[in-house]
Amino acid sequence: EKSFIFKIYKLFLETPELVVCHSIIEKQTLQSLIPKVEGRIRFIHFGIDRKYFRCRNKTIKYILSIGRDRSRDYKFLAQVAKKMKDQRFVIVTSKSNSQGINFPDNVKLYYDLPYNKVKDLYCESKTVFIPLKELERASGQISFLEALASGNKVVVSKVKGILEYTDAFKNNIYFFSPDDIHGAVSSLKRSVEA
């Protein structure tokens, strides 16, 4: 709160008539950090085009992980993949998210793919694995909702920002705690076998 950047954000956020948040946690954070805007913040559920991501022909070739933001824990995914050598993993991200990580041979990386290719990967996956770091903010919602819309089961870290979207899809979601390799492996095995 004492940083120069926060002061600039605070100044900008005190000006608009309305501030729209796509996450409850963002709304709560803004209200606590900048009390003047409390009456001008609205929460609108984040959404995706469910029709676009619906898979017409679903195959089950690999475990897919997608995400380019800094909340993704691909170092953790590499450790999980080493424990699940009988499974193939596919990751779609940016190069900066994978630098310095030693991935095992059962992991294939793709960088910065166009959305039509991403949709194809969703439709070829047996489950979607979203390992997230707890950053005390919203993260992972886009991939989470796209995966569910494509008819996939989703194995996801139990972090703030994800939990507010789970009520409608309880049967297809498998949770694990961040940094819990045993829990992640167990959840992945259950999702693949279900």
Protein backbone atom coordinates (compact mmCIF):
# COMPACT_ATOMS: atom_id res chain seq x y z
CA GLU A 1 0.00 0.00 0.00
CA LYS A 2 2.94 2.34 0.48
CA SER A 3 4.33 1.83 -3.00
CA PHE A 4 4.20 4.49 -5.70
CA ILE A 5 2.31 2.13 -8.03
CA PHE A 6 -0.44 1.57 -5.43
CA LYS A 7 -0.86 5.34 -5.07
CA ILE A 8 -1.31 5.65 -8.84
CA TYR A 9 -3.85 2.79 -8.92
CA LYS A 10 -5.70 4.31 -5.98
CA LEU A 11 -5.88 7.66 -7.77
CA PHE A 12 -7.22 6.03 -10.95
CA LEU A 13 -9.74 3.87 -9.11
CA GLU A 14 -11.22 6.79 -7.18
CA THR A 15 -12.25 8.49 -10.46
CA PRO A 16 -14.66 6.15 -12.36
CA GLU A 17 -18.38 5.99 -11.72
CA LEU A 18 -18.28 2.20 -11.86
CA VAL A 19 -15.58 -0.45 -11.42
CA VAL A 20 -16.41 -3.95 -12.70
CA CYS A 21 -14.64 -6.99 -11.21
CA HIS A 22 -14.78 -10.54 -12.53
CA SER A 23 -13.87 -12.05 -9.18
CA ILE A 24 -15.34 -11.73 -5.68
CA ILE A 25 -11.83 -11.70 -4.22
CA GLU A 26 -10.88 -8.70 -6.41
CA LYS A 27 -13.99 -6.85 -5.28
CA GLN A 28 -13.22 -7.55 -1.62
CA THR A 29 -9.58 -6.50 -2.05
CA LEU A 30 -10.49 -3.21 -3.74
CA GLN A 31 -13.11 -2.45 -1.09
CA SER A 32 -10.65 -3.00 1.73
CA LEU A 33 -7.73 -1.14 0.10
CA ILE A 34 -9.73 1.78 -1.31
CA PRO A 35 -12.85 2.28 0.86
CA LYS A 36 -13.99 5.30 -1.21
CA VAL A 37 -14.94 3.03 -4.14
CA GLU A 38 -17.02 0.52 -2.16
CA GLY A 39 -20.39 1.70 -3.48
CA ARG A 40 -19.11 1.83 -7.08
CA ILE A 41 -17.76 -1.72 -7.42
CA ARG A 42 -19.85 -4.39 -9.14
CA PHE A 43 -19.09 -8.07 -9.48
CA ILE A 44 -20.01 -9.77 -12.74
CA HIS A 45 -19.36 -13.50 -13.05
CA PHE A 46 -16.58 -14.27 -15.46
CA GLY A 47 -17.79 -16.23 -18.44
CA ILE A 48 -16.63 -17.92 -21.61
CA ASP A 49 -18.27 -18.97 -24.87
CA ARG A 50 -19.58 -22.41 -23.88
CA LYS A 51 -20.83 -23.17 -27.36
CA TYR A 52 -17.42 -22.55 -28.93
CA PHE A 53 -15.58 -24.83 -26.51
CA ARG A 54 -18.10 -27.70 -26.66
CA CYS A 55 -16.40 -30.73 -28.18
CA ARG A 56 -18.28 -32.55 -30.92
CA ASN A 57 -15.79 -35.43 -31.15
CA LYS A 58 -14.04 -36.09 -27.84
CA THR A 59 -10.97 -38.31 -27.66
CA ILE A 60 -8.82 -39.14 -24.64
CA LYS A 61 -5.15 -38.91 -25.50
CA TYR A 62 -3.42 -37.01 -22.69
CA ILE A 63 -3.66 -34.81 -19.60
CA LEU A 64 -3.77 -31.18 -20.70
CA SER A 65 -2.60 -28.09 -18.82
CA ILE A 66 -3.18 -24.59 -20.17
CA GLY A 67 -2.28 -21.15 -18.89
CA ARG A 68 0.07 -18.29 -19.49
CA ASP A 69 -0.20 -16.23 -16.32
CA ARG A 70 2.26 -16.31 -13.44
CA SER A 71 -0.11 -18.25 -11.20
CA ARG A 72 0.61 -21.52 -13.03
CA ASP A 73 2.90 -23.89 -11.19
CA TYR A 74 4.55 -25.83 -14.01
CA LYS A 75 7.49 -26.80 -11.80
CA PHE A 76 4.93 -28.62 -9.65
CA LEU A 77 3.41 -30.19 -12.80
CA ALA A 78 6.86 -31.52 -13.79
CA GLN A 79 7.13 -33.25 -10.40
CA VAL A 80 3.64 -34.74 -10.78
CA ALA A 81 4.43 -35.95 -14.33
CA LYS A 82 7.56 -37.72 -13.03
CA LYS A 83 5.34 -39.70 -10.66
CA MET A 84 2.87 -40.55 -13.45
CA LYS A 85 5.19 -41.86 -16.17
CA ASP A 86 2.34 -43.96 -17.63
CA GLN A 87 0.46 -40.76 -18.61
CA ARG A 88 1.19 -38.21 -21.35
CA PHE A 89 0.99 -34.52 -20.43
CA VAL A 90 0.56 -31.58 -22.81
CA ILE A 91 1.19 -27.99 -21.66
CA VAL A 92 0.17 -24.85 -23.55
CA THR A 93 1.83 -21.73 -22.15
CA SER A 94 4.41 -19.03 -22.87
CA LYS A 95 8.14 -19.78 -22.93
CA SER A 96 8.70 -17.59 -19.88
CA ASN A 97 6.56 -19.94 -17.76
CA SER A 98 8.68 -22.99 -18.53
CA GLN A 99 12.22 -21.60 -18.42
CA GLY A 100 14.51 -23.40 -16.02
CA ILE A 101 12.11 -26.30 -15.47
CA ASN A 102 13.33 -29.82 -16.21
CA PHE A 103 10.29 -31.60 -17.67
CA PRO A 104 10.27 -35.40 -17.96
CA ASP A 105 9.92 -37.12 -21.33
CA ASN A 106 6.16 -37.65 -20.91
CA VAL A 107 5.53 -33.86 -21.12
CA LYS A 108 5.07 -32.03 -24.45
CA LEU A 109 5.18 -28.22 -24.51
CA TYR A 110 3.41 -25.86 -26.92
CA TYR A 111 3.86 -22.11 -26.85
CA ASP A 112 1.39 -19.33 -27.61
CA LEU A 113 -1.05 -21.32 -29.74
CA PRO A 114 -4.06 -19.73 -31.49
CA TYR A 115 -7.43 -20.46 -29.91
CA ASN A 116 -8.64 -22.90 -32.58
CA LYS A 117 -5.62 -25.12 -31.77
CA VAL A 118 -6.29 -24.75 -28.04
CA LYS A 119 -9.87 -25.92 -28.58
CA ASP A 120 -8.60 -28.98 -30.47
CA LEU A 121 -6.31 -29.83 -27.55
CA TYR A 122 -9.22 -29.57 -25.09
CA CYS A 123 -11.18 -31.98 -27.28
CA GLU A 124 -8.32 -34.51 -27.34
CA SER A 125 -7.64 -34.47 -23.59
CA LYS A 126 -8.78 -36.99 -21.01
CA THR A 127 -8.66 -34.43 -18.22
CA VAL A 128 -7.38 -30.89 -17.67
CA PHE A 129 -4.82 -30.27 -14.92
CA ILE A 130 -4.52 -26.70 -13.61
CA PRO A 131 -1.80 -26.44 -10.96
CA LEU A 132 -2.06 -22.98 -9.42
CA LYS A 133 -0.05 -21.10 -6.84
CA GLU A 134 -2.03 -19.31 -4.14
CA LEU A 135 -1.57 -15.64 -4.99
CA GLU A 136 -4.48 -14.32 -2.88
CA ARG A 137 -6.18 -13.09 -6.06
CA ALA A 138 -8.21 -14.43 -8.94
CA SER A 139 -6.32 -16.75 -11.28
CA GLY A 140 -7.01 -19.70 -13.54
CA GLN A 141 -10.68 -18.96 -14.25
CA ILE A 142 -10.43 -18.81 -18.03
CA SER A 143 -8.78 -22.23 -18.44
CA PHE A 144 -10.99 -23.68 -15.72
CA LEU A 145 -14.23 -22.60 -17.40
CA GLU A 146 -13.04 -23.47 -20.92
CA ALA A 147 -12.10 -26.97 -19.73
CA LEU A 148 -15.52 -27.51 -18.16
CA ALA A 149 -17.29 -26.15 -21.25
CA SER A 150 -15.36 -28.62 -23.41
CA GLY A 151 -16.74 -31.48 -21.32
CA ASN A 152 -13.51 -32.25 -19.52
CA LYS A 153 -12.96 -33.24 -15.94
CA VAL A 154 -10.74 -30.67 -14.22
CA VAL A 155 -8.10 -31.27 -11.57
CA VAL A 156 -7.33 -27.90 -10.02
CA SER A 157 -5.56 -26.38 -7.04
CA LYS A 158 -7.90 -25.29 -4.27
CA VAL A 159 -7.11 -21.56 -4.34
CA LYS A 160 -9.02 -18.32 -3.94
CA GLY A 161 -10.68 -17.23 -7.14
CA ILE A 162 -11.47 -20.77 -8.34
CA LEU A 163 -13.78 -21.82 -5.52
CA GLU A 164 -16.45 -19.24 -6.42
CA TYR A 165 -17.08 -21.00 -9.77
CA THR A 166 -17.47 -24.59 -8.64
CA ASP A 167 -21.13 -24.97 -7.61
CA ALA A 168 -22.53 -25.74 -11.06
CA PHE A 169 -19.88 -28.32 -11.97
CA LYS A 170 -19.21 -30.31 -8.78
CA ASN A 171 -19.21 -33.70 -10.51
CA ASN A 172 -16.36 -32.84 -12.90
CA ILE A 173 -13.98 -31.08 -10.49
CA TYR A 174 -11.21 -32.71 -8.47
CA PHE A 175 -9.35 -30.53 -5.98
CA PHE A 176 -5.93 -30.74 -4.39
CA SER A 177 -4.06 -28.36 -2.13
CA PRO A 178 -1.25 -26.31 -3.69
CA ASP A 179 2.15 -28.05 -3.28
CA ASP A 180 0.47 -31.39 -2.37
CA ILE A 181 2.01 -33.74 -4.94
CA HIS A 182 0.36 -36.84 -3.45
CA GLY A 183 -3.05 -35.12 -3.52
CA ALA A 184 -2.55 -33.98 -7.12
CA VAL A 185 -1.49 -37.45 -8.31
CA SER A 186 -4.41 -39.04 -6.48
CA SER A 187 -6.90 -36.53 -7.95
CA LEU A 188 -5.50 -36.99 -11.46
CA LYS A 189 -5.76 -40.78 -11.19
CA ARG A 190 -9.37 -40.54 -9.99
CA SER A 191 -10.30 -38.14 -12.80
CA VAL A 192 -8.69 -40.32 -15.49
CA GLU A 193 -10.39 -43.47 -14.17
CA ALA A 194 -13.83 -41.86 -13.72
